[in-house]
């Protein structure tokens, strides 16, 4: 926990309410040996316990402008589900 990467592969991603963040966030399903893996905002590895972080600007050791990135990715996943699209 907090030190591993998600194994390479294809995963189903859905948008559900995050109990931790108290808002809808993308949830990655069926990650081996893990549950509750979500895309969320954060500026560096200290802001995550292994979840992928989203941001609009990449810096040397960090990312920023997280809220717009999270909103955009969440919207895209919801729209793809409504249109019954598969994103690979």
N, C-alpha and C. Protein backbone atom coordinates (compact mmCIF):
# COMPACT_ATOMS: atom_id res chain seq x y z
N UNK A 1 0.84 -1.18 0.00
CA UNK A 1 0.00 0.00 0.00
C UNK A 1 0.88 1.24 0.00
N UNK A 2 0.59 2.15 -0.92
CA UNK A 2 1.31 3.41 -0.99
C UNK A 2 2.66 3.35 -1.68
N UNK A 3 3.10 2.17 -2.06
CA UNK A 3 4.42 2.06 -2.67
C UNK A 3 4.42 1.24 -3.95
N UNK A 4 3.25 0.83 -4.41
CA UNK A 4 3.19 -0.02 -5.58
C UNK A 4 2.49 0.68 -6.73
N UNK A 5 2.65 0.13 -7.91
CA UNK A 5 1.98 0.64 -9.09
C UNK A 5 0.87 -0.32 -9.49
N UNK A 6 -0.12 0.21 -10.16
CA UNK A 6 -1.19 -0.63 -10.69
C UNK A 6 -0.57 -1.49 -11.80
N UNK A 7 -0.77 -2.79 -11.77
CA UNK A 7 -0.21 -3.64 -12.81
C UNK A 7 -0.73 -3.25 -14.20
N UNK A 8 0.12 -3.42 -15.19
CA UNK A 8 -0.26 -3.16 -16.57
C UNK A 8 -1.47 -4.01 -16.93
N UNK A 9 -2.40 -3.43 -17.64
CA UNK A 9 -3.58 -4.18 -18.06
C UNK A 9 -4.70 -3.26 -18.45
N UNK A 10 -5.84 -3.85 -18.75
CA UNK A 10 -7.06 -3.09 -19.07
C UNK A 10 -8.00 -3.21 -17.89
N UNK A 11 -8.55 -2.08 -17.49
CA UNK A 11 -9.42 -2.03 -16.32
C UNK A 11 -10.72 -1.31 -16.67
N UNK A 12 -11.77 -1.71 -16.02
CA UNK A 12 -13.04 -1.01 -16.12
C UNK A 12 -13.00 0.14 -15.12
N UNK A 13 -13.44 1.32 -15.57
CA UNK A 13 -13.48 2.49 -14.71
C UNK A 13 -14.92 3.00 -14.68
N UNK A 14 -15.43 3.23 -13.49
CA UNK A 14 -16.77 3.77 -13.33
C UNK A 14 -16.67 5.01 -12.44
N UNK A 15 -17.72 5.80 -12.43
CA UNK A 15 -17.76 6.98 -11.57
C UNK A 15 -18.74 6.70 -10.44
N UNK A 16 -18.25 6.77 -9.20
CA UNK A 16 -19.09 6.57 -8.03
C UNK A 16 -18.71 7.59 -6.96
N UNK A 17 -19.54 7.68 -5.95
CA UNK A 17 -19.27 8.58 -4.83
C UNK A 17 -18.11 8.02 -4.01
N UNK A 18 -17.12 8.85 -3.77
CA UNK A 18 -15.97 8.46 -2.95
C UNK A 18 -16.28 8.78 -1.49
N UNK A 19 -16.27 7.76 -0.63
CA UNK A 19 -16.49 8.03 0.79
C UNK A 19 -15.38 8.91 1.39
N UNK A 20 -14.17 8.76 0.89
CA UNK A 20 -13.04 9.52 1.42
C UNK A 20 -13.08 10.99 0.98
N UNK A 21 -13.35 11.22 -0.33
CA UNK A 21 -13.31 12.58 -0.86
C UNK A 21 -14.68 13.26 -0.87
N UNK A 22 -15.73 12.51 -0.59
CA UNK A 22 -17.10 13.04 -0.50
C UNK A 22 -17.58 13.69 -1.80
N UNK A 23 -17.17 13.11 -2.93
CA UNK A 23 -17.64 13.56 -4.24
C UNK A 23 -17.48 12.43 -5.23
N UNK A 24 -18.12 12.56 -6.39
CA UNK A 24 -18.00 11.54 -7.43
C UNK A 24 -16.60 11.59 -8.03
N UNK A 25 -15.99 10.41 -8.10
CA UNK A 25 -14.66 10.26 -8.70
C UNK A 25 -14.60 8.95 -9.46
N UNK A 26 -13.74 8.88 -10.48
CA UNK A 26 -13.54 7.62 -11.20
C UNK A 26 -12.93 6.55 -10.31
N UNK A 27 -13.52 5.37 -10.34
CA UNK A 27 -13.08 4.21 -9.57
C UNK A 27 -12.57 3.15 -10.53
N UNK A 28 -11.37 2.65 -10.31
CA UNK A 28 -10.79 1.61 -11.16
C UNK A 28 -11.14 0.26 -10.54
N UNK A 29 -11.84 -0.57 -11.30
CA UNK A 29 -12.31 -1.85 -10.79
C UNK A 29 -11.31 -2.97 -11.02
N UNK A 30 -11.35 -3.93 -10.12
CA UNK A 30 -10.60 -5.19 -10.26
C UNK A 30 -9.09 -5.02 -10.35
N UNK A 31 -8.54 -4.08 -9.59
CA UNK A 31 -7.09 -3.95 -9.50
C UNK A 31 -6.61 -5.07 -8.58
N UNK A 32 -5.73 -5.94 -9.06
CA UNK A 32 -5.28 -7.07 -8.23
C UNK A 32 -4.74 -6.62 -6.87
N UNK A 33 -5.26 -7.23 -5.82
CA UNK A 33 -4.83 -7.01 -4.44
C UNK A 33 -5.18 -5.64 -3.86
N UNK A 34 -6.02 -4.86 -4.55
CA UNK A 34 -6.38 -3.54 -4.06
C UNK A 34 -7.85 -3.27 -4.29
N UNK A 35 -8.42 -2.40 -3.48
CA UNK A 35 -9.77 -1.90 -3.70
C UNK A 35 -9.76 -0.40 -3.42
N UNK A 36 -10.75 0.29 -3.97
CA UNK A 36 -10.84 1.73 -3.74
C UNK A 36 -9.82 2.55 -4.48
N UNK A 37 -9.30 2.03 -5.59
CA UNK A 37 -8.31 2.77 -6.38
C UNK A 37 -9.06 3.76 -7.27
N UNK A 38 -8.79 5.05 -7.06
CA UNK A 38 -9.50 6.11 -7.78
C UNK A 38 -8.52 7.09 -8.42
N UNK A 39 -8.98 7.68 -9.52
CA UNK A 39 -8.30 8.85 -10.06
C UNK A 39 -8.74 10.03 -9.19
N UNK A 40 -7.80 10.84 -8.74
CA UNK A 40 -8.15 12.03 -7.97
C UNK A 40 -7.05 13.06 -8.10
N UNK A 41 -7.29 14.24 -7.55
CA UNK A 41 -6.31 15.30 -7.60
C UNK A 41 -5.27 15.15 -6.52
N UNK A 42 -4.16 15.81 -6.72
CA UNK A 42 -3.06 15.82 -5.76
C UNK A 42 -1.83 16.35 -6.46
N UNK A 43 -0.93 16.92 -5.72
CA UNK A 43 0.22 17.56 -6.34
C UNK A 43 1.46 16.68 -6.47
N UNK A 44 1.58 15.66 -5.60
CA UNK A 44 2.75 14.78 -5.70
C UNK A 44 2.43 13.45 -5.00
N UNK A 45 3.42 12.58 -4.91
CA UNK A 45 3.19 11.24 -4.37
C UNK A 45 2.74 11.27 -2.91
N UNK A 46 2.98 12.36 -2.21
CA UNK A 46 2.52 12.46 -0.82
C UNK A 46 1.00 12.62 -0.73
N UNK A 47 0.37 12.95 -1.85
CA UNK A 47 -1.08 13.15 -1.88
C UNK A 47 -1.84 11.90 -2.31
N UNK A 48 -1.16 10.77 -2.37
CA UNK A 48 -1.79 9.54 -2.83
C UNK A 48 -1.22 8.34 -2.09
N UNK A 49 -2.05 7.34 -1.91
CA UNK A 49 -1.58 6.07 -1.34
C UNK A 49 -1.43 5.04 -2.45
N UNK A 50 -1.21 5.50 -3.67
CA UNK A 50 -1.02 4.61 -4.81
C UNK A 50 -2.00 4.86 -5.94
N UNK A 51 -3.00 5.72 -5.71
CA UNK A 51 -3.96 6.05 -6.77
C UNK A 51 -3.32 6.97 -7.80
N UNK A 52 -3.77 6.89 -9.06
CA UNK A 52 -3.28 7.82 -10.07
C UNK A 52 -3.78 9.24 -9.77
N UNK A 53 -2.89 10.20 -9.86
CA UNK A 53 -3.26 11.60 -9.65
C UNK A 53 -3.47 12.29 -10.99
N UNK A 54 -4.41 13.22 -11.03
CA UNK A 54 -4.72 13.96 -12.25
C UNK A 54 -4.36 15.42 -12.07
N UNK A 55 -3.81 16.02 -13.11
CA UNK A 55 -3.49 17.44 -13.11
C UNK A 55 -3.38 17.94 -14.53
N UNK A 56 -3.48 19.24 -14.71
CA UNK A 56 -3.41 19.84 -16.04
C UNK A 56 -1.99 20.31 -16.39
N UNK A 57 -1.16 20.54 -15.37
CA UNK A 57 0.19 21.05 -15.59
C UNK A 57 1.19 20.10 -14.92
N UNK A 58 2.19 19.72 -15.67
CA UNK A 58 3.23 18.82 -15.14
C UNK A 58 4.47 19.64 -14.82
N UNK A 59 4.98 19.45 -13.61
CA UNK A 59 6.21 20.08 -13.17
C UNK A 59 7.25 18.98 -13.00
N UNK A 60 8.45 19.35 -12.61
CA UNK A 60 9.52 18.37 -12.47
C UNK A 60 9.13 17.23 -11.53
N UNK A 61 8.65 17.55 -10.34
CA UNK A 61 8.31 16.52 -9.35
C UNK A 61 6.88 16.64 -8.86
N UNK A 62 6.03 17.29 -9.64
CA UNK A 62 4.66 17.52 -9.16
C UNK A 62 3.73 17.80 -10.34
N UNK A 63 2.45 17.89 -10.03
CA UNK A 63 1.44 18.33 -10.99
C UNK A 63 0.60 19.40 -10.30
N UNK A 64 -0.10 20.19 -11.12
CA UNK A 64 -0.98 21.22 -10.55
C UNK A 64 -2.22 21.36 -11.42
N UNK A 65 -3.10 22.26 -11.01
CA UNK A 65 -4.40 22.45 -11.67
C UNK A 65 -5.17 21.14 -11.71
N UNK A 66 -5.29 20.54 -10.55
CA UNK A 66 -5.90 19.22 -10.43
C UNK A 66 -7.42 19.23 -10.61
N UNK A 67 -8.09 20.20 -10.02
CA UNK A 67 -9.56 20.20 -10.05
C UNK A 67 -10.12 20.18 -11.47
N UNK A 68 -9.60 21.00 -12.41
CA UNK A 68 -10.13 20.93 -13.77
C UNK A 68 -9.86 19.58 -14.44
N UNK A 69 -8.72 18.97 -14.13
CA UNK A 69 -8.39 17.66 -14.71
C UNK A 69 -9.34 16.59 -14.20
N UNK A 70 -9.60 16.60 -12.89
CA UNK A 70 -10.51 15.62 -12.30
C UNK A 70 -11.92 15.80 -12.88
N UNK A 71 -12.37 17.04 -12.99
CA UNK A 71 -13.70 17.31 -13.55
C UNK A 71 -13.79 16.83 -15.00
N UNK A 72 -12.77 17.09 -15.79
CA UNK A 72 -12.78 16.69 -17.20
C UNK A 72 -12.79 15.18 -17.36
N UNK A 73 -11.92 14.48 -16.66
CA UNK A 73 -11.86 13.03 -16.77
C UNK A 73 -13.15 12.39 -16.27
N UNK A 74 -13.67 12.88 -15.17
CA UNK A 74 -14.93 12.36 -14.63
C UNK A 74 -16.06 12.54 -15.65
N UNK A 75 -16.13 13.72 -16.24
CA UNK A 75 -17.16 14.00 -17.26
C UNK A 75 -17.01 13.08 -18.46
N UNK A 76 -15.79 12.88 -18.92
CA UNK A 76 -15.55 12.02 -20.08
C UNK A 76 -15.99 10.58 -19.80
N UNK A 77 -15.69 10.08 -18.62
CA UNK A 77 -16.07 8.70 -18.27
C UNK A 77 -17.59 8.58 -18.19
N UNK A 78 -18.25 9.55 -17.59
CA UNK A 78 -19.72 9.52 -17.49
C UNK A 78 -20.36 9.57 -18.88
N UNK A 79 -19.85 10.44 -19.75
CA UNK A 79 -20.39 10.55 -21.10
C UNK A 79 -20.16 9.28 -21.91
N UNK A 80 -19.00 8.66 -21.74
CA UNK A 80 -18.72 7.41 -22.45
C UNK A 80 -19.67 6.32 -21.99
N UNK A 81 -19.94 6.26 -20.70
CA UNK A 81 -20.87 5.25 -20.18
C UNK A 81 -22.27 5.49 -20.73
N UNK A 82 -22.72 6.75 -20.74
CA UNK A 82 -24.04 7.08 -21.27
C UNK A 82 -24.16 6.71 -22.75
N UNK A 83 -23.07 6.89 -23.50
CA UNK A 83 -23.07 6.55 -24.93
C UNK A 83 -22.73 5.09 -25.16
N UNK A 84 -22.50 4.35 -24.09
CA UNK A 84 -22.14 2.94 -24.14
C UNK A 84 -20.86 2.71 -24.96
N UNK A 85 -19.90 3.58 -24.75
CA UNK A 85 -18.61 3.47 -25.43
C UNK A 85 -17.61 2.75 -24.55
N UNK A 86 -16.66 2.10 -25.16
CA UNK A 86 -15.56 1.48 -24.44
C UNK A 86 -14.31 2.27 -24.76
N UNK A 87 -13.64 2.75 -23.72
CA UNK A 87 -12.39 3.52 -23.90
C UNK A 87 -11.25 2.59 -23.53
N UNK A 88 -10.30 2.47 -24.42
CA UNK A 88 -9.15 1.60 -24.18
C UNK A 88 -7.91 2.45 -24.05
